[in-house]
Amino acid sequence: MNLNELGARIIVYFGSSGKFFLSESTCYAIILAVILAAVGIWLGSNLQAVPKGKQVLVELFVGWIYKFTEENLGKEFARSFAPYFGTLILWLVCANSLGLIGLRPITADVSITAGLAALSFVLIQYNAIRHLGIGGRLSEMRDPFSFMIIMDLISDLTFPVTLALRLFGNIFGGMIVVDLWLNLMSTISATFCPVPILRCVTVIPLNLFFDMFEPVIQGYIFTVLTAINLRRGMEGTSPETLERRRKSKEKRLAKHQAKQLEQAG
């Protein structure tokens, strides 16, 4: 294996200096987005009251996405975020699976996964502030003690880092495993046959796992983690915490009233 070829290749340069360029991951990401948009427009055209053909598959997928969003975000947010999560998981599964057609998976590039994680982070923080307000968001982060805001800040800032590295590590690691196995099988085949027959046959189970099963699982995990953290950010303080605060406030009020009665007596 050539370690210099592990990273994404630069395939488009801009300007004479060559300082501006596009990697294959970026180009594939743009092409995939255009293809999915075109397919989505085609699938959404000429819809009938009684579904048939392509419309049946579309309605099954859309129904599952709305159910998924409702389970993870609640009914009140399902309609608003289902299109986003449907697009996200569909793009991720396709981006992770490009190895099936001999291309480098888009998410084997840490810059791509970092961009996706940053988008999830902005989505979570924006909607948390939109629903709770800045004061409510800060209050939720200080619960149950003021110093907890430091822990919450660290947790929020590390979330996109772990989200990006988890996706990148799994897809990139799978790509390396498949490449190492292919090189090993080629070497073994060369000892008894000029045709690398072992390379063609024995890699099928690895392709099934790393190019079909794992891309679906990793896309699903990325989407679920984004949805869970989005719901936690928008809901703010849990009902249990609110109840604990109410009881604590009532207890302090009772002590204050008792103290005033003693002073008055």
Protein backbone atom coordinates (compact mmCIF):
# COMPACT_ATOMS: atom_id res chain seq x y z
CA MET A 1 0.00 0.00 0.00
CA ASN A 2 1.25 3.45 -0.90
CA LEU A 3 0.69 5.68 2.13
CA ASN A 4 0.86 8.77 -0.07
CA GLU A 5 -2.34 7.66 -1.80
CA LEU A 6 -4.46 7.35 1.37
CA GLY A 7 -5.74 10.91 1.16
CA ALA A 8 -8.22 12.29 -1.33
CA ARG A 9 -6.67 13.23 -4.69
CA ILE A 10 -6.80 16.82 -5.95
CA ILE A 11 -8.49 16.76 -9.33
CA VAL A 12 -9.43 20.38 -10.08
CA TYR A 13 -7.11 23.39 -9.76
CA PHE A 14 -8.02 27.09 -9.97
CA GLY A 15 -5.58 29.79 -10.98
CA SER A 16 -1.97 29.55 -12.09
CA SER A 17 -0.57 29.24 -8.56
CA GLY A 18 -2.58 26.12 -7.79
CA LYS A 19 -3.42 27.33 -4.29
CA PHE A 20 -7.14 26.87 -4.87
CA PHE A 21 -8.36 23.41 -5.70
CA LEU A 22 -11.09 20.82 -5.27
CA SER A 23 -10.41 17.31 -4.01
CA GLU A 24 -12.17 14.26 -5.36
CA SER A 25 -14.24 14.10 -2.15
CA THR A 26 -15.59 17.61 -2.70
CA CYS A 27 -16.33 16.95 -6.38
CA TYR A 28 -18.05 13.65 -5.61
CA ALA A 29 -20.08 15.35 -2.86
CA ILE A 30 -21.32 18.02 -5.27
CA ILE A 31 -22.09 15.49 -7.99
CA LEU A 32 -23.94 13.24 -5.52
CA ALA A 33 -26.01 16.18 -4.24
CA VAL A 34 -26.99 17.12 -7.81
CA ILE A 35 -27.90 13.51 -8.66
CA LEU A 36 -29.99 13.07 -5.52
CA ALA A 37 -31.76 16.38 -6.17
CA ALA A 38 -32.56 15.35 -9.75
CA VAL A 39 -33.77 11.91 -8.66
CA GLY A 40 -35.84 13.49 -5.90
CA ILE A 41 -37.54 15.85 -8.35
CA TRP A 42 -38.25 12.94 -10.69
CA LEU A 43 -39.65 10.75 -7.91
CA GLY A 44 -41.81 13.60 -6.66
CA SER A 45 -43.37 14.31 -10.05
CA ASN A 46 -46.73 13.08 -11.33
CA LEU A 47 -47.96 11.86 -7.95
CA GLN A 48 -51.32 10.09 -7.95
CA ALA A 49 -54.05 9.69 -5.34
CA VAL A 50 -53.60 5.92 -5.57
CA PRO A 51 -49.84 5.20 -5.39
CA LYS A 52 -48.25 2.80 -7.83
CA GLY A 53 -44.81 2.10 -9.23
CA LYS A 54 -42.12 4.50 -8.02
CA GLN A 55 -44.62 6.37 -5.82
CA VAL A 56 -45.05 3.29 -3.62
CA LEU A 57 -41.33 3.20 -2.81
CA VAL A 58 -41.23 6.96 -2.26
CA GLU A 59 -44.16 6.88 0.16
CA LEU A 60 -42.62 3.98 2.09
CA PHE A 61 -39.36 5.91 2.52
CA VAL A 62 -41.08 9.19 3.39
CA GLY A 63 -43.36 7.42 5.87
CA TRP A 64 -40.38 5.80 7.54
CA ILE A 65 -38.52 9.13 7.76
CA TYR A 66 -41.49 10.88 9.40
CA LYS A 67 -41.86 7.99 11.85
CA PHE A 68 -38.14 8.09 12.61
CA THR A 69 -38.23 11.85 13.19
CA GLU A 70 -41.32 11.61 15.37
CA GLU A 71 -39.73 8.91 17.52
CA ASN A 72 -36.54 10.89 18.04
CA LEU A 73 -37.85 14.47 18.14
CA GLY A 74 -41.53 14.16 19.05
CA LYS A 75 -44.67 14.92 17.07
CA GLU A 76 -44.32 18.69 17.41
CA PHE A 77 -41.00 18.72 15.52
CA ALA A 78 -41.47 15.83 13.08
CA ARG A 79 -42.94 17.85 10.21
CA SER A 80 -40.27 20.56 10.44
CA PHE A 81 -37.18 18.33 10.51
CA ALA A 82 -38.21 15.16 8.64
CA PRO A 83 -37.10 16.53 5.21
CA TYR A 84 -33.68 17.42 6.59
CA PHE A 85 -33.09 14.06 8.25
CA GLY A 86 -34.40 12.20 5.21
CA THR A 87 -31.93 14.06 2.99
CA LEU A 88 -29.09 13.59 5.48
CA ILE A 89 -29.40 9.83 5.88
CA LEU A 90 -29.94 9.27 2.15
CA TRP A 91 -26.87 11.34 1.24
CA LEU A 92 -24.76 9.65 3.92
CA VAL A 93 -25.65 6.12 2.81
CA CYS A 94 -24.80 6.94 -0.79
CA ALA A 95 -21.61 8.82 0.16
CA ASN A 96 -20.44 5.94 2.35
CA SER A 97 -21.16 3.34 -0.35
CA LEU A 98 -19.17 4.71 -3.29
CA GLY A 99 -16.69 1.87 -2.86
CA LEU A 100 -19.28 -0.38 -4.52
CA ILE A 101 -18.60 1.35 -7.84
CA GLY A 102 -14.84 1.59 -7.36
CA LEU A 103 -14.70 5.18 -6.08
CA ARG A 104 -13.27 6.50 -2.85
CA PRO A 105 -16.08 6.95 -0.26
CA ILE A 106 -16.73 10.64 0.28
CA THR A 107 -16.82 10.29 4.06
CA ALA A 108 -13.34 8.73 4.10
CA ASP A 109 -12.22 12.37 4.00
CA VAL A 110 -12.18 13.98 7.46
CA SER A 111 -12.88 17.42 5.98
CA ILE A 112 -16.22 16.16 4.69
CA THR A 113 -17.25 14.55 7.99
CA ALA A 114 -16.08 17.66 9.86
CA GLY A 115 -18.30 19.80 7.65
CA LEU A 116 -21.29 17.53 8.28
CA ALA A 117 -20.62 17.54 12.03
CA ALA A 118 -20.31 21.34 12.04
CA LEU A 119 -23.66 21.57 10.24
CA SER A 120 -25.24 19.34 12.91
CA PHE A 121 -23.68 21.47 15.65
CA VAL A 122 -25.02 24.72 14.17
CA LEU A 123 -28.45 23.14 13.66
CA ILE A 124 -28.61 22.02 17.29
CA GLN A 125 -27.38 25.26 18.83
CA TYR A 126 -29.50 27.51 16.60
CA ASN A 127 -32.72 25.62 17.31
CA ALA A 128 -31.93 25.33 21.02
CA ILE A 129 -31.59 29.12 21.27
CA ARG A 130 -34.62 29.66 19.03
CA HIS A 131 -36.86 27.54 21.29
CA LEU A 132 -35.40 28.40 24.72
CA GLY A 133 -33.93 31.84 24.15
CA ILE A 134 -30.39 32.76 25.13
CA GLY A 135 -31.35 33.05 28.79
CA GLY A 136 -33.16 29.74 28.79
CA ARG A 137 -30.27 28.02 27.05
CA LEU A 138 -27.77 29.35 29.59
CA SER A 139 -30.11 28.44 32.45
CA GLU A 140 -30.42 24.90 31.12
CA MET A 141 -26.64 24.59 30.87
CA ARG A 142 -26.22 25.73 34.51
CA ASP A 143 -28.59 23.08 35.83
CA PRO A 144 -28.38 21.87 38.57
CA PHE A 145 -25.32 23.93 39.61
CA SER A 146 -23.76 27.00 38.04
CA PHE A 147 -20.35 25.39 37.52
CA MET A 148 -22.01 22.74 35.34
CA ILE A 149 -22.02 25.25 32.49
CA ILE A 150 -18.32 24.44 31.99
CA MET A 151 -19.07 20.73 31.63
CA ASP A 152 -21.95 21.44 29.25
CA LEU A 153 -19.78 23.71 27.11
CA ILE A 154 -17.11 21.01 26.87
CA SER A 155 -19.78 18.42 26.00
CA ASP A 156 -21.31 20.63 23.30
CA LEU A 157 -17.94 21.49 21.75
CA THR A 158 -16.66 17.90 21.73
CA PHE A 159 -19.87 16.53 20.22
CA PRO A 160 -19.12 17.60 16.61
CA VAL A 161 -15.51 16.39 16.98
CA THR A 162 -16.54 12.89 18.07
CA LEU A 163 -19.34 12.83 15.50
CA ALA A 164 -16.92 13.65 12.67
CA LEU A 165 -14.17 11.29 13.81
CA ARG A 166 -16.56 8.38 14.38
CA LEU A 167 -17.89 8.52 10.85
CA PHE A 168 -14.49 9.18 9.28
CA GLY A 169 -12.73 6.47 11.30
CA ASN A 170 -15.22 3.76 10.42
CA ILE A 171 -15.40 4.49 6.70
CA PHE A 172 -11.68 5.21 6.26
CA GLY A 173 -10.75 2.17 8.35
CA GLY A 174 -12.98 -0.04 6.22
CA MET A 175 -11.37 1.32 3.06
CA ILE A 176 -7.89 0.49 4.40
CA VAL A 177 -8.91 -3.03 5.46
CA VAL A 178 -10.30 -3.79 1.99
CA ASP A 179 -7.19 -2.35 0.31
CA LEU A 180 -4.84 -4.37 2.53
CA TRP A 181 -6.80 -7.54 1.88
CA LEU A 182 -6.71 -6.99 -1.88
CA ASN A 183 -2.94 -6.51 -1.82
CA LEU A 184 -2.50 -9.63 0.31
CA MET A 185 -4.64 -11.74 -2.00
CA SER A 186 -2.78 -10.43 -5.05
CA THR A 187 0.54 -11.44 -3.50
CA ILE A 188 -0.70 -14.92 -2.60
CA SER A 189 -2.30 -15.42 -6.02
CA ALA A 190 0.95 -14.46 -7.77
CA THR A 191 2.70 -17.45 -6.19
CA PHE A 192 0.67 -20.00 -8.15
CA CYS A 193 -1.35 -18.18 -10.83
CA PRO A 194 -0.74 -15.19 -13.12
CA VAL A 195 -4.39 -14.15 -12.64
CA PRO A 196 -5.16 -12.66 -9.18
CA ILE A 197 -8.13 -14.95 -8.69
CA LEU A 198 -8.08 -14.74 -4.89
CA ARG A 199 -8.28 -10.96 -5.14
CA CYS A 200 -11.52 -11.26 -7.14
CA VAL A 201 -13.26 -13.88 -5.02
CA THR A 202 -12.26 -13.49 -1.39
CA VAL A 203 -12.97 -9.76 -1.21
CA ILE A 204 -16.72 -10.23 -1.72
CA PRO A 205 -17.55 -10.72 2.02
CA LEU A 206 -15.50 -7.61 2.88
CA ASN A 207 -17.32 -5.60 0.22
CA LEU A 208 -20.66 -6.77 1.56
CA PHE A 209 -19.75 -5.54 5.04
CA PHE A 210 -17.65 -2.41 4.45
CA ASP A 211 -19.40 -1.16 1.29
CA MET A 212 -23.02 -2.15 2.00
CA PHE A 213 -23.76 -2.97 5.64
CA GLU A 214 -21.45 -0.52 7.43
CA PRO A 215 -22.37 2.53 5.26
CA VAL A 216 -26.03 2.09 6.21
CA ILE A 217 -25.22 1.62 9.90
CA GLN A 218 -22.87 4.62 10.06
CA GLY A 219 -25.31 6.86 8.20
CA TYR A 220 -28.07 5.82 10.59
CA ILE A 221 -25.90 6.37 13.69
CA PHE A 222 -24.83 9.84 12.52
CA THR A 223 -28.46 10.82 11.90
CA VAL A 224 -29.72 9.38 15.19
CA LEU A 225 -27.04 11.15 17.26
CA THR A 226 -27.87 14.43 15.54
CA ALA A 227 -31.59 13.95 16.19
CA ILE A 228 -31.13 12.99 19.85
CA ASN A 229 -28.91 15.98 20.60
CA LEU A 230 -31.26 18.27 18.69
CA ARG A 231 -34.20 17.16 20.80
CA ARG A 232 -32.23 17.54 24.02
CA GLY A 233 -31.19 21.04 23.00
CA MET A 234 -34.70 22.17 22.07
CA GLU A 235 -36.45 20.62 25.08
CA GLY A 236 -33.99 22.12 27.51
CA THR A 237 -34.45 21.11 31.09
CA SER A 238 -36.10 17.76 31.65
CA PRO A 239 -39.44 17.46 33.52
CA GLU A 240 -37.64 15.75 36.42
CA THR A 241 -35.27 18.69 36.77
CA LEU A 242 -38.10 21.20 36.63
CA GLU A 243 -39.93 19.29 39.37
CA ARG A 244 -36.78 19.22 41.50
CA ARG A 245 -36.37 22.96 41.04
CA ARG A 246 -39.99 23.59 42.01
CA LYS A 247 -39.66 21.57 45.22
CA SER A 248 -36.38 23.28 46.08
CA LYS A 249 -37.96 26.70 45.53
CA GLU A 250 -40.95 25.78 47.69
CA LYS A 251 -38.64 24.55 50.43
CA ARG A 252 -36.62 27.79 50.42
CA LEU A 253 -39.81 29.83 50.45
CA ALA A 254 -41.15 27.84 53.42
CA LYS A 255 -37.91 28.41 55.35
CA HIS A 256 -38.02 32.13 54.55
CA GLN A 257 -41.64 32.39 55.74
CA ALA A 258 -40.84 30.46 58.91
CA LYS A 259 -37.93 32.81 59.63
CA GLN A 260 -40.15 35.85 59.12
CA LEU A 261 -42.75 34.42 61.54
CA GLU A 262 -40.06 33.87 64.16
CA GLN A 263 -38.84 37.44 63.79
CA ALA A 264 -42.39 38.78 63.97
CA GLY A 265 -43.13 36.68 67.08
